[in-house]
Amino acid sequence: MKKVFKERNIKQKSSYWWLILIKMGSKKTIDGIRISKIVRMLLDLEGVQIRKGTNHPFVAKRKGLRSCPIASSTHAKKMLVPWIVDATGYESNLVYSSLRAGSWTYT
């Protein structure tokens, strides 16, 4: 992707490329949930660890589960909610509404 921007002139960039550039620096997921809220909420869960990733700003880990990347390209409802449900056993609708609210409705 870097080669594409180096080879093209600014005038030749389509609106689609600008959308990707804006999204890369975003601090929210695709469905509009702040990444900082997600990280703070995941740290409240027992056994969940957050580490810095190489391709993603954050990666959620829990023993016995595959890691879950957290970035501006993450769709919380499709990627984070199923991972949290597997990690905790909570109900998926309540997990997603808690993520949108910014705090756990139950602990």
N, C-alpha and C. Protein backbone atom coordinates (compact mmCIF):
# COMPACT_ATOMS: atom_id res chain seq x y z
N MET A 1 0.82 -1.19 0.00
CA MET A 1 0.00 0.00 0.00
C MET A 1 0.87 1.25 0.00
N LYS A 2 2.02 1.20 0.64
CA LYS A 2 2.88 2.36 0.66
C LYS A 2 3.37 2.71 -0.74
N LYS A 3 3.64 1.67 -1.57
CA LYS A 3 4.09 1.91 -2.93
C LYS A 3 3.04 2.66 -3.74
N VAL A 4 1.77 2.33 -3.51
CA VAL A 4 0.69 2.99 -4.24
C VAL A 4 0.70 4.49 -3.98
N PHE A 5 0.92 4.89 -2.72
CA PHE A 5 0.92 6.31 -2.40
C PHE A 5 2.16 7.01 -2.92
N LYS A 6 3.29 6.32 -2.98
CA LYS A 6 4.50 6.93 -3.48
C LYS A 6 4.43 7.13 -4.99
N GLU A 7 3.82 6.19 -5.69
CA GLU A 7 3.77 6.25 -7.14
C GLU A 7 2.72 7.24 -7.65
N ARG A 8 1.66 7.43 -6.92
CA ARG A 8 0.59 8.32 -7.36
C ARG A 8 0.81 9.74 -6.86
N ASN A 9 0.34 10.67 -7.64
CA ASN A 9 0.36 12.06 -7.24
C ASN A 9 -0.86 12.32 -6.37
N ILE A 10 -0.84 13.33 -5.53
CA ILE A 10 -1.97 13.64 -4.65
C ILE A 10 -3.24 13.87 -5.47
N LYS A 11 -3.13 14.51 -6.62
CA LYS A 11 -4.31 14.81 -7.44
C LYS A 11 -4.91 13.53 -8.01
N GLN A 12 -4.12 12.48 -8.16
CA GLN A 12 -4.61 11.24 -8.76
C GLN A 12 -5.29 10.32 -7.76
N LYS A 13 -5.17 10.61 -6.48
CA LYS A 13 -5.79 9.75 -5.47
C LYS A 13 -7.31 9.88 -5.51
N SER A 14 -7.97 8.75 -5.52
CA SER A 14 -9.43 8.78 -5.51
C SER A 14 -9.92 8.98 -4.08
N SER A 15 -11.21 9.25 -3.94
CA SER A 15 -11.78 9.45 -2.61
C SER A 15 -11.69 8.16 -1.79
N TYR A 16 -11.66 7.00 -2.44
CA TYR A 16 -11.54 5.74 -1.73
C TYR A 16 -10.21 5.66 -0.98
N TRP A 17 -9.11 6.09 -1.60
CA TRP A 17 -7.81 6.05 -0.94
C TRP A 17 -7.76 7.01 0.25
N TRP A 18 -8.42 8.15 0.13
CA TRP A 18 -8.47 9.08 1.26
C TRP A 18 -9.23 8.48 2.42
N LEU A 19 -10.26 7.71 2.11
CA LEU A 19 -11.02 7.06 3.16
C LEU A 19 -10.14 6.07 3.93
N ILE A 20 -9.31 5.32 3.21
CA ILE A 20 -8.40 4.38 3.86
C ILE A 20 -7.39 5.13 4.72
N LEU A 21 -6.87 6.23 4.23
CA LEU A 21 -5.90 7.02 5.00
C LEU A 21 -6.52 7.54 6.29
N ILE A 22 -7.75 8.04 6.21
CA ILE A 22 -8.43 8.56 7.39
C ILE A 22 -8.70 7.43 8.37
N LYS A 23 -9.12 6.27 7.86
CA LYS A 23 -9.47 5.14 8.72
C LYS A 23 -8.26 4.59 9.43
N MET A 24 -7.08 4.65 8.80
CA MET A 24 -5.88 4.09 9.42
C MET A 24 -5.51 4.84 10.70
N GLY A 25 -5.79 6.13 10.75
CA GLY A 25 -5.43 6.90 11.93
C GLY A 25 -6.56 7.02 12.92
N SER A 26 -7.62 6.30 12.71
CA SER A 26 -8.80 6.42 13.54
C SER A 26 -8.59 5.81 14.92
N LYS A 27 -9.36 6.28 15.91
CA LYS A 27 -9.28 5.73 17.26
C LYS A 27 -10.56 4.99 17.62
N LYS A 28 -11.36 4.66 16.61
CA LYS A 28 -12.59 3.90 16.81
C LYS A 28 -12.61 2.69 15.90
N THR A 29 -13.40 1.69 16.28
CA THR A 29 -13.59 0.52 15.43
C THR A 29 -14.51 0.89 14.28
N ILE A 30 -14.71 -0.03 13.37
CA ILE A 30 -15.57 0.23 12.21
C ILE A 30 -16.99 0.57 12.64
N ASP A 31 -17.49 -0.07 13.69
CA ASP A 31 -18.85 0.21 14.13
C ASP A 31 -18.91 1.31 15.19
N GLY A 32 -17.85 2.09 15.34
CA GLY A 32 -17.91 3.33 16.11
C GLY A 32 -17.63 3.25 17.60
N ILE A 33 -17.05 2.15 18.06
CA ILE A 33 -16.74 2.01 19.48
C ILE A 33 -15.28 2.43 19.70
N ARG A 34 -15.04 3.27 20.69
CA ARG A 34 -13.67 3.73 20.96
C ARG A 34 -12.78 2.56 21.39
N ILE A 35 -11.58 2.51 20.79
CA ILE A 35 -10.64 1.45 21.11
C ILE A 35 -10.19 1.55 22.56
N SER A 36 -10.04 2.76 23.07
CA SER A 36 -9.63 2.93 24.47
C SER A 36 -10.67 2.36 25.43
N LYS A 37 -11.96 2.52 25.11
CA LYS A 37 -13.02 1.92 25.95
C LYS A 37 -12.94 0.40 25.93
N ILE A 38 -12.71 -0.15 24.74
CA ILE A 38 -12.64 -1.61 24.60
C ILE A 38 -11.49 -2.16 25.43
N VAL A 39 -10.32 -1.52 25.32
CA VAL A 39 -9.15 -2.00 26.06
C VAL A 39 -9.39 -1.89 27.56
N ARG A 40 -9.95 -0.78 28.01
CA ARG A 40 -10.23 -0.59 29.44
C ARG A 40 -11.22 -1.65 29.94
N MET A 41 -12.25 -1.93 29.15
CA MET A 41 -13.25 -2.91 29.56
C MET A 41 -12.68 -4.33 29.57
N LEU A 42 -11.83 -4.66 28.60
CA LEU A 42 -11.24 -5.99 28.56
C LEU A 42 -10.29 -6.22 29.73
N LEU A 43 -9.62 -5.16 30.18
CA LEU A 43 -8.72 -5.31 31.32
C LEU A 43 -9.48 -5.59 32.61
N ASP A 44 -10.77 -5.24 32.66
CA ASP A 44 -11.60 -5.54 33.81
C ASP A 44 -11.98 -7.02 33.91
N LEU A 45 -11.89 -7.73 32.78
CA LEU A 45 -12.26 -9.15 32.77
C LEU A 45 -11.14 -10.00 33.35
N GLU A 46 -11.51 -11.01 34.09
CA GLU A 46 -10.53 -11.88 34.74
C GLU A 46 -9.84 -12.77 33.71
N GLY A 47 -8.52 -12.78 33.75
CA GLY A 47 -7.74 -13.66 32.88
C GLY A 47 -7.43 -13.09 31.51
N VAL A 48 -7.94 -11.93 31.18
CA VAL A 48 -7.69 -11.32 29.87
C VAL A 48 -6.50 -10.39 29.97
N GLN A 49 -5.58 -10.53 29.03
CA GLN A 49 -4.40 -9.67 28.97
C GLN A 49 -4.41 -8.91 27.66
N ILE A 50 -3.89 -7.70 27.67
CA ILE A 50 -3.77 -6.88 26.47
C ILE A 50 -2.28 -6.64 26.23
N ARG A 51 -1.85 -6.86 24.99
CA ARG A 51 -0.47 -6.56 24.63
C ARG A 51 -0.45 -5.72 23.36
N LYS A 52 0.66 -5.07 23.12
CA LYS A 52 0.84 -4.32 21.88
C LYS A 52 1.11 -5.31 20.77
N GLY A 53 0.53 -5.06 19.62
CA GLY A 53 0.75 -5.93 18.48
C GLY A 53 1.66 -5.28 17.45
N THR A 54 2.12 -6.07 16.50
CA THR A 54 2.97 -5.52 15.45
C THR A 54 2.13 -4.96 14.30
N ASN A 55 1.07 -5.65 13.93
CA ASN A 55 0.20 -5.18 12.86
C ASN A 55 -1.05 -4.47 13.37
N HIS A 56 -1.36 -4.65 14.63
CA HIS A 56 -2.52 -4.01 15.25
C HIS A 56 -2.05 -3.30 16.52
N PRO A 57 -2.70 -2.21 16.90
CA PRO A 57 -2.25 -1.50 18.09
C PRO A 57 -2.36 -2.33 19.37
N PHE A 58 -3.40 -3.16 19.48
CA PHE A 58 -3.60 -3.98 20.67
C PHE A 58 -4.05 -5.38 20.27
N VAL A 59 -3.70 -6.35 21.12
CA VAL A 59 -4.12 -7.73 20.93
C VAL A 59 -4.59 -8.25 22.28
N ALA A 60 -5.82 -8.76 22.32
CA ALA A 60 -6.37 -9.34 23.55
C ALA A 60 -6.01 -10.82 23.59
N LYS A 61 -5.57 -11.28 24.76
CA LYS A 61 -5.18 -12.68 24.92
C LYS A 61 -5.81 -13.26 26.17
N ARG A 62 -6.10 -14.54 26.09
CA ARG A 62 -6.56 -15.29 27.25
C ARG A 62 -6.10 -16.73 27.07
N LYS A 63 -5.69 -17.35 28.14
CA LYS A 63 -5.18 -18.71 28.06
C LYS A 63 -6.27 -19.64 27.52
N GLY A 64 -5.90 -20.44 26.54
CA GLY A 64 -6.83 -21.40 25.95
C GLY A 64 -7.63 -20.86 24.78
N LEU A 65 -7.48 -19.57 24.47
CA LEU A 65 -8.20 -18.96 23.36
C LEU A 65 -7.21 -18.35 22.37
N ARG A 66 -7.64 -18.27 21.14
CA ARG A 66 -6.86 -17.58 20.13
C ARG A 66 -6.88 -16.08 20.43
N SER A 67 -5.80 -15.39 20.11
CA SER A 67 -5.75 -13.95 20.39
C SER A 67 -6.69 -13.18 19.47
N CYS A 68 -7.11 -12.00 19.93
CA CYS A 68 -8.08 -11.19 19.20
C CYS A 68 -7.48 -9.80 18.95
N PRO A 69 -7.24 -9.43 17.68
CA PRO A 69 -6.67 -8.11 17.38
C PRO A 69 -7.70 -7.00 17.58
N ILE A 70 -7.21 -5.86 18.06
CA ILE A 70 -8.08 -4.69 18.25
C ILE A 70 -7.45 -3.53 17.51
N ALA A 71 -8.15 -3.03 16.50
CA ALA A 71 -7.64 -1.93 15.68
C ALA A 71 -8.81 -1.17 15.08
N SER A 72 -8.51 -0.15 14.31
CA SER A 72 -9.58 0.62 13.67
C SER A 72 -10.26 -0.20 12.58
N SER A 73 -9.63 -1.27 12.12
CA SER A 73 -10.23 -2.14 11.11
C SER A 73 -11.09 -3.24 11.73
N THR A 74 -11.14 -3.30 13.05
CA THR A 74 -11.89 -4.33 13.76
C THR A 74 -13.38 -4.00 13.76
N HIS A 75 -14.19 -4.98 13.46
CA HIS A 75 -15.65 -4.85 13.60
C HIS A 75 -16.01 -5.52 14.91
N ALA A 76 -16.38 -4.72 15.90
CA ALA A 76 -16.57 -5.23 17.26
C ALA A 76 -17.64 -6.32 17.32
N LYS A 77 -18.73 -6.15 16.61
CA LYS A 77 -19.82 -7.12 16.70
C LYS A 77 -19.43 -8.47 16.09
N LYS A 78 -18.59 -8.45 15.06
CA LYS A 78 -18.22 -9.68 14.38
C LYS A 78 -16.97 -10.33 14.96
N MET A 79 -16.06 -9.53 15.52
CA MET A 79 -14.78 -10.09 15.98
C MET A 79 -14.65 -10.11 17.49
N LEU A 80 -14.94 -9.01 18.15
CA LEU A 80 -14.72 -8.91 19.59
C LEU A 80 -15.79 -9.63 20.40
N VAL A 81 -17.05 -9.44 20.03
CA VAL A 81 -18.14 -10.02 20.82
C VAL A 81 -18.04 -11.55 20.89
N PRO A 82 -17.84 -12.26 19.77
CA PRO A 82 -17.71 -13.73 19.89
C PRO A 82 -16.51 -14.15 20.74
N TRP A 83 -15.41 -13.38 20.66
CA TRP A 83 -14.23 -13.70 21.47
C TRP A 83 -14.53 -13.51 22.95
N ILE A 84 -15.21 -12.42 23.29
CA ILE A 84 -15.56 -12.15 24.70
C ILE A 84 -16.55 -13.19 25.21
N VAL A 85 -17.50 -13.59 24.36
CA VAL A 85 -18.47 -14.63 24.76
C VAL A 85 -17.75 -15.94 25.04
N ASP A 86 -16.77 -16.31 24.18
CA ASP A 86 -15.99 -17.53 24.43
C ASP A 86 -15.15 -17.42 25.70
N ALA A 87 -14.64 -16.22 25.96
CA ALA A 87 -13.77 -16.03 27.13
C ALA A 87 -14.54 -15.98 28.44
N THR A 88 -15.76 -15.45 28.40
CA THR A 88 -16.49 -15.22 29.64
C THR A 88 -17.76 -16.04 29.79
N GLY A 89 -18.40 -16.39 28.70
CA GLY A 89 -19.68 -17.08 28.76
C GLY A 89 -20.87 -16.13 28.86
N TYR A 90 -20.61 -14.83 28.75
CA TYR A 90 -21.70 -13.85 28.79
C TYR A 90 -22.55 -13.95 27.53
N GLU A 91 -23.73 -13.37 27.57
CA GLU A 91 -24.63 -13.35 26.43
C GLU A 91 -24.17 -12.30 25.42
N SER A 92 -24.21 -12.63 24.13
CA SER A 92 -23.63 -11.77 23.10
C SER A 92 -24.33 -10.41 22.99
N ASN A 93 -25.65 -10.38 23.11
CA ASN A 93 -26.36 -9.09 23.03
C ASN A 93 -25.97 -8.16 24.17
N LEU A 94 -25.82 -8.71 25.36
CA LEU A 94 -25.43 -7.90 26.52
C LEU A 94 -23.98 -7.43 26.41
N VAL A 95 -23.12 -8.27 25.83
CA VAL A 95 -21.72 -7.88 25.65
C VAL A 95 -21.64 -6.70 24.68
N TYR A 96 -22.34 -6.79 23.56
CA TYR A 96 -22.27 -5.71 22.57
C TYR A 96 -22.89 -4.42 23.11
N SER A 97 -23.99 -4.51 23.82
CA SER A 97 -24.59 -3.30 24.39
C SER A 97 -23.68 -2.70 25.46
N SER A 98 -22.97 -3.53 26.20
CA SER A 98 -22.00 -3.03 27.18
C SER A 98 -20.84 -2.32 26.50
N LEU A 99 -20.34 -2.89 25.42
CA LEU A 99 -19.26 -2.24 24.67
C LEU A 99 -19.71 -0.87 24.15
N ARG A 100 -20.91 -0.79 23.65
CA ARG A 100 -21.42 0.48 23.13
C ARG A 100 -21.63 1.49 24.25
N ALA A 101 -22.03 1.02 25.43
CA ALA A 101 -22.26 1.92 26.57
C ALA A 101 -20.95 2.36 27.23
N GLY A 102 -19.91 1.53 27.11
CA GLY A 102 -18.61 1.89 27.68
C GLY A 102 -18.37 1.33 29.06
N SER A 103 -19.29 0.54 29.58
CA SER A 103 -19.08 -0.11 30.89
C SER A 103 -19.90 -1.41 30.90
N TRP A 104 -19.45 -2.34 31.72
CA TRP A 104 -20.13 -3.63 31.80
C TRP A 104 -21.45 -3.47 32.54
N THR A 105 -22.50 -4.02 31.97
CA THR A 105 -23.81 -3.96 32.63
C THR A 105 -23.87 -4.98 33.76
N TYR A 106 -22.97 -5.95 33.74
CA TYR A 106 -22.85 -6.94 34.80
C TYR A 106 -21.39 -7.33 34.90
N THR A 107 -20.96 -7.73 36.08
CA THR A 107 -19.57 -8.17 36.25
C THR A 107 -19.50 -9.44 37.04
